[in-house]
Structure formats: structure tokens, C-alpha cells
Amino acid sequence: MRKKSGFYLFLSWLIPGAGHFILGKKIEGIVIFLSILYFFIIGIILGGRFIGTNEGSPLTVFLTFSDLGSGMFYFIGKVLGLGAQLKANWTSDYGTFFLVGGGLINYLAAVKAYEIAEGIKK
């Protein structure tokens, strides 16, 4: 693995779409950024919450890892106190899955940026 490829992987995870944007795939980078932002905003509006690893289930480790996939949106949400809803409503599960889904999609996009940097994909 070349150093730069790892940088694009990290950058794409931290700032969704940034790796694609820097690699010259500007439209794809913008679409990825807006898509992950959409997932994050809809997840918060629906009352989704970030899952913590202290909730007692082995599945929570996977869900926490998925939440972290949103990169900067996860950290911004944590700092602003978003995604910490304690009282559930009928849409909160949907919101939580939007947050999880956005993180997982961003991981896939980050891996693709790595593959582009390595020359595996165009």
C-alpha cells in the first residue's frame, strides 16, 4: 500500500467524498458528500440516535462502528449533542438506521477512493 493511497482512504472516511474530489472525480465526490449528509440529516430529523458500545449487546459494536463511518458528521453530531435521543418515538428506529446506513455507505466510498488511488479502479 502506498502512503498516498492510505491518505485518500482516511480522508474519504473523515470527509465523505473528499478523496474522490482530490483524485479528480469531482462530481462523484460531491454526490458522495451530499448523500452522506442527506443520510445524516434525515437520521437526525427522524430522531435517530448513535449507538454506544456500553449498551450490552454484541451487535452494538457493529452499530457503533457503522455510526463512526459517517466521519466528520458523526463527530459534529456528538459535539452538538445530536443523535442522543433517549425517548423513542415511532420514527426513531428509522432514523437510527439512516445514521448507520450512511456510515456503511461512506466506508464503501472510502474503499473505492483507495482503489482509485491504487489504480485498481478508474
Protein backbone atom coordinates (compact mmCIF):
# COMPACT_ATOMS: atom_id res chain seq x y z
CA MET A 1 0.00 0.00 0.00
CA ARG A 2 1.39 3.35 -0.98
CA LYS A 3 1.32 6.14 1.58
CA LYS A 4 -0.88 8.34 -0.58
CA SER A 5 -3.48 5.62 -1.03
CA GLY A 6 -3.87 5.29 2.72
CA PHE A 7 -4.21 9.07 2.93
CA TYR A 8 -7.08 9.02 0.41
CA LEU A 9 -8.76 6.22 2.36
CA PHE A 10 -8.52 8.18 5.63
CA LEU A 11 -9.53 11.47 4.04
CA SER A 12 -12.54 9.89 2.32
CA TRP A 13 -13.66 8.41 5.62
CA LEU A 14 -13.20 11.65 7.56
CA ILE A 15 -14.70 13.98 4.95
CA PRO A 16 -17.11 11.99 2.78
CA GLY A 17 -16.27 12.35 -0.91
CA ALA A 18 -13.03 14.29 -0.36
CA GLY A 19 -10.82 11.51 -1.68
CA HIS A 20 -12.79 11.28 -4.91
CA PHE A 21 -12.78 15.06 -5.23
CA ILE A 22 -8.99 15.32 -4.84
CA LEU A 23 -8.46 12.39 -7.23
CA GLY A 24 -10.25 14.36 -9.95
CA LYS A 25 -13.67 12.74 -9.64
CA LYS A 26 -15.25 16.00 -8.54
CA ILE A 27 -18.90 15.21 -9.37
CA GLU A 28 -18.66 11.79 -7.72
CA GLY A 29 -17.07 13.38 -4.65
CA ILE A 30 -19.82 15.98 -4.37
CA VAL A 31 -22.53 13.32 -4.81
CA ILE A 32 -20.97 11.17 -2.07
CA PHE A 33 -20.70 14.15 0.29
CA LEU A 34 -24.30 15.20 -0.28
CA SER A 35 -25.56 11.62 0.03
CA ILE A 36 -23.89 11.01 3.39
CA LEU A 37 -25.04 14.45 4.56
CA TYR A 38 -28.60 13.54 3.48
CA PHE A 39 -28.47 10.27 5.42
CA PHE A 40 -27.18 12.12 8.48
CA ILE A 41 -29.77 14.92 8.36
CA ILE A 42 -32.71 12.57 7.74
CA GLY A 43 -31.47 10.28 10.52
CA ILE A 44 -31.36 13.17 12.98
CA ILE A 45 -34.74 14.58 11.85
CA LEU A 46 -36.36 11.17 12.35
CA GLY A 47 -34.98 11.03 15.88
CA GLY A 48 -32.23 8.51 15.24
CA ARG A 49 -29.51 8.05 17.79
CA PHE A 50 -25.91 6.99 17.81
CA ILE A 51 -25.45 3.59 19.37
CA GLY A 52 -22.91 3.33 22.19
CA THR A 53 -20.82 0.23 22.87
CA ASN A 54 -21.93 0.19 26.50
CA GLU A 55 -25.46 -0.97 25.69
CA GLY A 56 -24.73 -4.63 26.42
CA SER A 57 -25.25 -6.35 23.07
CA PRO A 58 -22.53 -7.65 20.74
CA LEU A 59 -24.45 -6.06 17.88
CA THR A 60 -23.78 -2.62 19.37
CA VAL A 61 -20.09 -2.91 18.49
CA PHE A 62 -21.04 -3.27 14.80
CA LEU A 63 -23.56 -0.45 15.03
CA THR A 64 -21.05 1.86 16.73
CA PHE A 65 -18.50 1.06 14.02
CA SER A 66 -21.19 1.86 11.44
CA ASP A 67 -22.02 5.17 13.11
CA LEU A 68 -18.34 6.12 13.03
CA GLY A 69 -18.39 5.56 9.28
CA SER A 70 -20.02 8.94 8.77
CA GLY A 71 -16.69 10.53 9.64
CA MET A 72 -16.93 14.22 10.40
CA PHE A 73 -20.73 14.13 10.57
CA TYR A 74 -20.51 11.68 13.47
CA PHE A 75 -18.09 13.90 15.37
CA ILE A 76 -20.10 17.07 14.65
CA GLY A 77 -23.25 15.30 15.80
CA LYS A 78 -21.58 14.16 19.03
CA VAL A 79 -20.24 17.64 19.78
CA LEU A 80 -23.66 19.23 19.14
CA GLY A 81 -25.46 16.58 21.18
CA LEU A 82 -27.35 15.23 18.19
CA GLY A 83 -28.26 11.57 17.99
CA ALA A 84 -28.52 11.24 21.76
CA GLN A 85 -32.29 10.95 21.97
CA LEU A 86 -33.35 8.87 24.95
CA LYS A 87 -37.08 8.89 24.36
CA ALA A 88 -38.06 6.73 21.41
CA ASN A 89 -40.85 7.59 19.02
CA TRP A 90 -42.24 5.67 16.07
CA THR A 91 -39.62 7.11 13.66
CA SER A 92 -36.52 6.83 15.85
CA ASP A 93 -35.59 3.33 14.65
CA TYR A 94 -35.77 4.51 11.04
CA GLY A 95 -33.58 7.48 11.93
CA THR A 96 -31.04 5.22 13.63
CA PHE A 97 -30.86 3.05 10.53
CA PHE A 98 -30.33 6.12 8.35
CA LEU A 99 -27.35 7.05 10.56
CA VAL A 100 -25.97 3.50 10.40
CA GLY A 101 -26.60 3.20 6.65
CA GLY A 102 -24.86 6.48 5.88
CA GLY A 103 -21.79 5.31 7.77
CA LEU A 104 -21.66 1.99 5.93
CA ILE A 105 -22.05 3.68 2.55
CA ASN A 106 -19.24 6.08 3.40
CA TYR A 107 -16.95 3.13 4.22
CA LEU A 108 -17.65 1.74 0.75
CA ALA A 109 -16.94 5.12 -0.84
CA ALA A 110 -13.66 5.43 1.11
CA VAL A 111 -12.54 1.99 -0.08
CA LYS A 112 -13.37 2.99 -3.65
CA ALA A 113 -11.22 6.14 -3.29
CA TYR A 114 -8.40 3.92 -2.07
CA GLU A 115 -8.85 1.62 -5.07
CA ILE A 116 -8.79 4.59 -7.45
CA ALA A 117 -5.59 5.88 -5.83
CA GLU A 118 -4.01 2.42 -6.13
CA GLY A 119 -5.02 2.16 -9.79
CA ILE A 120 -7.30 -0.82 -9.16
CA LYS A 121 -10.34 1.11 -10.42
CA LYS A 122 -10.70 4.08 -12.70
